[in-house]
N, C-alpha and C. Protein backbone atom coordinates (compact mmCIF):
# COMPACT_ATOMS: atom_id res chain seq x y z
N UNK A 1 80.51 85.13 97.61
CA UNK A 1 81.01 86.29 98.00
C UNK A 1 82.21 86.74 97.40
N UNK A 2 82.78 87.95 97.80
CA UNK A 2 83.97 88.60 97.07
C UNK A 2 85.14 88.05 97.86
N UNK A 3 86.20 87.70 97.12
CA UNK A 3 87.35 86.98 97.78
C UNK A 3 88.16 88.23 98.33
N UNK A 4 88.99 87.86 99.40
CA UNK A 4 89.79 88.68 100.11
C UNK A 4 90.99 89.11 99.04
N UNK A 5 91.54 90.27 99.31
CA UNK A 5 92.63 90.85 98.39
C UNK A 5 93.62 91.58 99.05
N UNK A 6 94.68 91.96 98.48
CA UNK A 6 95.80 92.70 98.96
C UNK A 6 96.34 93.66 97.88
N UNK A 7 96.64 94.81 98.41
CA UNK A 7 97.17 95.73 97.48
C UNK A 7 98.36 96.50 98.15
N UNK A 8 99.24 97.19 97.49
CA UNK A 8 100.46 97.83 98.07
C UNK A 8 100.47 99.24 97.33
N UNK A 9 100.84 100.20 98.24
CA UNK A 9 101.11 101.59 97.79
C UNK A 9 102.33 102.19 98.39
N UNK A 10 103.13 102.64 97.56
CA UNK A 10 104.48 103.32 98.06
C UNK A 10 104.40 104.79 97.77
N UNK A 11 104.76 105.59 98.70
CA UNK A 11 104.90 107.07 98.67
C UNK A 11 106.40 107.30 98.25
N UNK A 12 106.41 108.31 97.36
CA UNK A 12 107.75 108.81 97.01
C UNK A 12 108.44 109.38 98.35
N UNK A 13 109.67 109.57 98.43
CA UNK A 13 110.32 110.18 99.65
C UNK A 13 109.73 111.56 99.95
N UNK A 14 109.51 111.78 101.23
CA UNK A 14 108.89 113.04 101.78
C UNK A 14 109.73 113.65 102.73
N UNK A 15 109.96 114.95 102.59
CA UNK A 15 110.81 115.55 103.70
C UNK A 15 110.12 115.58 105.03
N UNK A 16 110.86 115.53 106.12
CA UNK A 16 110.35 115.51 107.44
C UNK A 16 109.70 116.89 107.64
N UNK A 17 108.38 116.92 108.13
CA UNK A 17 107.59 118.09 108.35
C UNK A 17 106.68 118.41 107.16
N UNK A 18 106.85 117.71 106.03
CA UNK A 18 106.06 117.92 104.93
C UNK A 18 105.17 116.69 104.91
N UNK A 19 104.20 116.72 103.90
CA UNK A 19 103.24 115.49 103.78
C UNK A 19 102.91 115.45 102.30
N UNK A 20 102.54 114.14 101.92
CA UNK A 20 102.15 113.80 100.57
C UNK A 20 100.81 113.07 100.70
N UNK A 21 99.90 113.20 99.62
CA UNK A 21 98.60 112.55 99.57
C UNK A 21 98.58 111.64 98.36
N UNK A 22 98.10 110.37 98.62
CA UNK A 22 97.96 109.40 97.47
C UNK A 22 96.49 108.94 97.67
N UNK A 23 95.89 108.87 96.22
CA UNK A 23 94.67 108.27 96.09
C UNK A 23 94.82 106.78 95.66
N UNK A 24 94.05 105.88 96.33
CA UNK A 24 94.20 104.58 95.91
C UNK A 24 92.70 103.99 95.58
N UNK A 25 92.52 103.38 94.49
CA UNK A 25 91.30 102.97 94.01
C UNK A 25 91.33 101.34 94.15
N UNK A 26 90.48 100.79 94.93
CA UNK A 26 90.37 99.25 95.15
C UNK A 26 89.05 98.90 94.29
N UNK A 27 89.29 98.03 93.35
CA UNK A 27 88.16 97.56 92.47
C UNK A 27 87.57 96.24 93.00
N UNK A 28 86.25 96.14 92.98
CA UNK A 28 85.56 95.01 93.30
C UNK A 28 85.29 94.21 92.02
N UNK A 29 86.23 93.17 91.89
CA UNK A 29 86.21 92.40 90.62
C UNK A 29 85.31 91.16 90.82
N UNK A 30 84.65 91.01 91.89
CA UNK A 30 83.79 89.87 92.19
C UNK A 30 82.41 90.09 91.48
N UNK A 31 81.48 89.17 91.77
CA UNK A 31 80.11 89.35 91.18
C UNK A 31 79.04 89.61 92.29
N UNK A 32 79.52 89.96 93.50
CA UNK A 32 78.68 90.31 94.64
C UNK A 32 79.14 91.71 95.20
N UNK A 33 78.15 92.26 95.83
CA UNK A 33 78.40 93.55 96.62
C UNK A 33 79.32 93.28 97.73
N UNK A 34 80.20 94.24 97.93
CA UNK A 34 81.15 94.13 99.07
C UNK A 34 80.79 95.41 100.03
N UNK A 35 80.50 95.16 101.29
CA UNK A 35 80.26 96.13 102.21
C UNK A 35 81.00 95.79 103.58
N UNK A 36 81.34 96.83 104.33
CA UNK A 36 82.01 96.56 105.51
C UNK A 36 82.45 97.95 106.22
N UNK A 37 83.53 97.86 106.88
CA UNK A 37 84.02 99.14 107.59
C UNK A 37 85.50 99.30 107.42
N UNK A 38 85.92 100.54 107.34
CA UNK A 38 87.54 100.76 107.33
C UNK A 38 87.62 101.60 108.65
N UNK A 39 88.57 101.15 109.45
CA UNK A 39 88.82 101.72 110.72
C UNK A 39 89.80 102.93 110.69
N UNK A 40 90.73 102.89 109.75
CA UNK A 40 91.71 103.80 109.72
C UNK A 40 93.03 103.45 110.36
N UNK A 41 94.04 104.14 110.34
CA UNK A 41 95.40 103.78 110.95
C UNK A 41 95.34 104.11 112.47
N UNK A 42 96.21 103.61 113.20
CA UNK A 42 96.41 103.76 114.65
C UNK A 42 96.71 105.19 114.92
N UNK A 43 96.39 105.73 116.07
CA UNK A 43 96.82 107.07 116.46
C UNK A 43 98.35 107.22 116.53
N UNK A 44 98.90 108.20 116.01
CA UNK A 44 100.29 108.47 116.07
C UNK A 44 100.96 107.87 114.86
N UNK A 45 100.31 107.14 113.90
CA UNK A 45 100.84 106.72 112.64
C UNK A 45 101.19 107.81 111.68
N UNK A 46 102.34 107.69 110.94
CA UNK A 46 102.68 108.71 109.94
C UNK A 46 101.72 108.65 108.83
N UNK A 47 100.84 107.68 108.71
CA UNK A 47 99.81 107.56 107.69
C UNK A 47 98.49 107.94 108.31
N UNK A 48 97.64 108.66 107.36
CA UNK A 48 96.40 109.14 107.89
C UNK A 48 95.38 108.91 106.82
N UNK A 49 94.22 108.26 107.08
CA UNK A 49 93.15 107.91 106.16
C UNK A 49 92.39 109.23 106.16
N UNK A 50 92.52 110.04 105.12
CA UNK A 50 91.70 111.32 105.04
C UNK A 50 90.50 111.18 104.22
N UNK A 51 90.19 110.11 103.50
CA UNK A 51 88.98 109.91 102.82
C UNK A 51 88.72 108.46 102.65
N UNK A 52 87.49 108.03 103.05
CA UNK A 52 87.11 106.58 102.96
C UNK A 52 86.97 105.87 104.19
N UNK A 53 87.22 106.48 105.36
CA UNK A 53 87.09 105.87 106.61
C UNK A 53 85.52 105.69 106.88
N UNK A 54 85.20 104.70 107.67
CA UNK A 54 83.86 104.29 108.04
C UNK A 54 83.29 103.24 107.18
N UNK A 55 81.95 103.13 107.16
CA UNK A 55 81.30 102.02 106.36
C UNK A 55 81.42 102.23 104.88
N UNK A 56 81.44 101.19 104.19
CA UNK A 56 81.53 101.25 102.61
C UNK A 56 80.75 100.15 102.04
N UNK A 57 80.34 100.64 100.81
CA UNK A 57 79.58 99.64 99.88
C UNK A 57 80.20 99.73 98.52
N UNK A 58 80.63 98.60 97.99
CA UNK A 58 81.27 98.49 96.64
C UNK A 58 80.52 97.69 95.79
N UNK A 59 79.81 98.10 94.77
CA UNK A 59 79.13 97.20 93.83
C UNK A 59 80.13 96.48 92.92
N UNK A 60 79.66 95.40 92.45
CA UNK A 60 80.63 94.59 91.47
C UNK A 60 80.94 95.55 90.30
N UNK A 61 82.26 95.55 89.96
CA UNK A 61 82.77 96.36 88.98
C UNK A 61 83.16 97.81 89.46
N UNK A 62 82.61 98.15 90.65
CA UNK A 62 82.94 99.59 90.96
C UNK A 62 84.20 99.61 91.79
N UNK A 63 84.62 100.87 92.14
CA UNK A 63 85.79 101.12 92.92
C UNK A 63 85.50 101.77 94.23
N UNK A 64 86.38 101.45 95.18
CA UNK A 64 86.31 102.19 96.55
C UNK A 64 87.59 103.17 96.47
N UNK A 65 87.48 104.35 96.66
CA UNK A 65 88.53 105.42 96.55
C UNK A 65 88.94 105.83 98.03
N UNK A 66 90.27 105.63 98.29
CA UNK A 66 90.91 105.88 99.53
C UNK A 66 91.85 107.06 99.36
N UNK A 67 91.86 108.00 100.22
CA UNK A 67 92.71 109.09 100.23
C UNK A 67 93.70 108.91 101.61
N UNK A 68 94.99 108.89 101.36
CA UNK A 68 95.93 108.58 102.50
C UNK A 68 96.99 109.60 102.42
N UNK A 69 97.25 110.20 103.64
CA UNK A 69 98.25 111.21 103.72
C UNK A 69 99.48 110.76 104.49
N UNK A 70 100.65 110.92 104.11
CA UNK A 70 101.87 110.48 104.71
C UNK A 70 102.62 111.62 105.27
N UNK A 71 102.91 111.66 106.52
CA UNK A 71 103.61 112.76 107.10
C UNK A 71 104.66 112.17 108.06
N UNK A 72 105.94 111.97 107.53
CA UNK A 72 106.93 111.39 108.31
C UNK A 72 107.47 112.27 109.45
N UNK A 73 107.41 111.72 110.65
CA UNK A 73 107.83 112.60 111.80
C UNK A 73 109.31 112.72 111.92
N UNK A 74 110.21 111.85 111.42
CA UNK A 74 111.62 111.89 111.40
C UNK A 74 112.18 111.10 110.09
N UNK A 75 113.27 111.14 109.88
CA UNK A 75 113.97 110.45 108.83
C UNK A 75 113.95 108.90 109.10
N UNK A 76 113.56 108.20 107.95
CA UNK A 76 113.50 106.63 108.19
C UNK A 76 112.38 106.13 107.26
N UNK A 77 112.39 104.87 107.31
CA UNK A 77 111.32 104.10 106.49
C UNK A 77 110.09 103.75 107.36
N UNK A 78 108.86 103.78 106.89
CA UNK A 78 107.70 103.61 107.44
C UNK A 78 106.76 102.61 106.80
N UNK A 79 106.08 101.72 107.57
CA UNK A 79 105.10 100.85 106.82
C UNK A 79 103.84 100.62 107.73
N UNK A 80 102.85 100.64 107.14
CA UNK A 80 101.53 100.35 107.87
C UNK A 80 100.55 99.57 106.96
N UNK A 81 99.69 98.81 107.44
CA UNK A 81 98.72 98.00 106.64
C UNK A 81 97.31 98.43 107.18
N UNK A 82 96.41 98.94 106.21
CA UNK A 82 95.11 99.19 106.46
C UNK A 82 94.26 98.05 106.19
N UNK A 83 93.34 97.61 107.00
CA UNK A 83 92.50 96.47 106.82
C UNK A 83 90.95 97.01 106.54
N UNK A 84 90.46 96.43 105.46
CA UNK A 84 89.08 96.71 105.20
C UNK A 84 88.22 95.65 105.53
N UNK A 85 87.49 95.58 106.57
CA UNK A 85 86.80 94.43 107.03
C UNK A 85 85.35 94.34 106.57
N UNK A 86 85.12 93.21 105.85
CA UNK A 86 83.78 93.16 105.24
C UNK A 86 82.73 92.73 106.31
N UNK A 87 81.51 93.01 105.97
CA UNK A 87 80.35 92.49 106.67
C UNK A 87 80.34 91.01 106.34
N UNK A 88 79.92 90.04 107.40
CA UNK A 88 79.80 88.72 107.19
C UNK A 88 78.98 88.36 105.95
N UNK A 89 78.04 89.04 105.73
CA UNK A 89 77.08 88.74 104.55
C UNK A 89 77.64 89.02 103.18
N UNK A 90 78.82 89.80 103.08
CA UNK A 90 79.33 90.13 101.86
C UNK A 90 80.48 89.49 101.29
N UNK A 91 81.41 88.93 102.30
CA UNK A 91 82.64 88.44 101.81
C UNK A 91 83.22 87.66 102.92
N UNK A 92 84.32 86.79 102.58
CA UNK A 92 85.12 86.10 103.60
C UNK A 92 86.57 86.75 103.58
N UNK A 93 87.20 87.00 104.61
CA UNK A 93 88.48 87.60 104.67
C UNK A 93 88.40 89.15 104.47
N UNK A 94 89.55 89.65 104.60
CA UNK A 94 89.64 91.17 104.45
C UNK A 94 90.38 91.58 103.26
N UNK A 95 90.29 92.82 102.87
CA UNK A 95 91.15 93.49 101.88
C UNK A 95 92.18 94.09 102.84
N UNK A 96 93.58 93.80 102.42
CA UNK A 96 94.68 94.58 103.13
C UNK A 96 95.38 95.39 102.20
N UNK A 97 95.69 96.58 102.65
CA UNK A 97 96.35 97.58 101.73
C UNK A 97 97.67 98.10 102.54
N UNK A 98 98.86 97.75 102.00
CA UNK A 98 100.02 98.07 102.74
C UNK A 98 100.58 99.35 102.13
N UNK A 99 101.03 100.11 103.02
CA UNK A 99 101.40 101.49 102.60
C UNK A 99 102.95 101.60 103.11
N UNK A 100 103.84 102.09 102.32
CA UNK A 100 105.21 102.33 102.71
C UNK A 100 105.65 103.81 102.29
N UNK A 101 106.52 104.31 103.07
CA UNK A 101 107.10 105.75 102.89
C UNK A 101 108.35 105.85 103.49
N UNK A 102 109.09 106.76 102.97
CA UNK A 102 110.40 107.16 103.53
C UNK A 102 110.49 108.70 103.81
N UNK A 103 110.81 108.98 105.02
CA UNK A 103 111.07 110.36 105.37
C UNK A 103 112.49 110.77 105.33
N UNK A 104 112.73 111.91 104.89
CA UNK A 104 114.14 112.31 104.64
C UNK A 104 114.34 113.70 104.80
């Protein structure tokens, strides 16, 4: 199967009331297909998964593209982790993507 992985993405500072969009590409560097589900962020989070939620399939050597919007509700630092949960047949463990942002 495909090993679990971890990635990080930091947003540049964003003014309160504004938003920023980042595209993150996660590459399957294994030799087996990876499939599973992405649930998205919790309700009320300043981070929103705008592209890539739901079931996914990533062939070996291919990339999974995620679009994440950061909208800080107030000044301060924010951090959330997005979990990509694989089907049991495709991999062990999860891919975790940590997002950070600063509202100001």
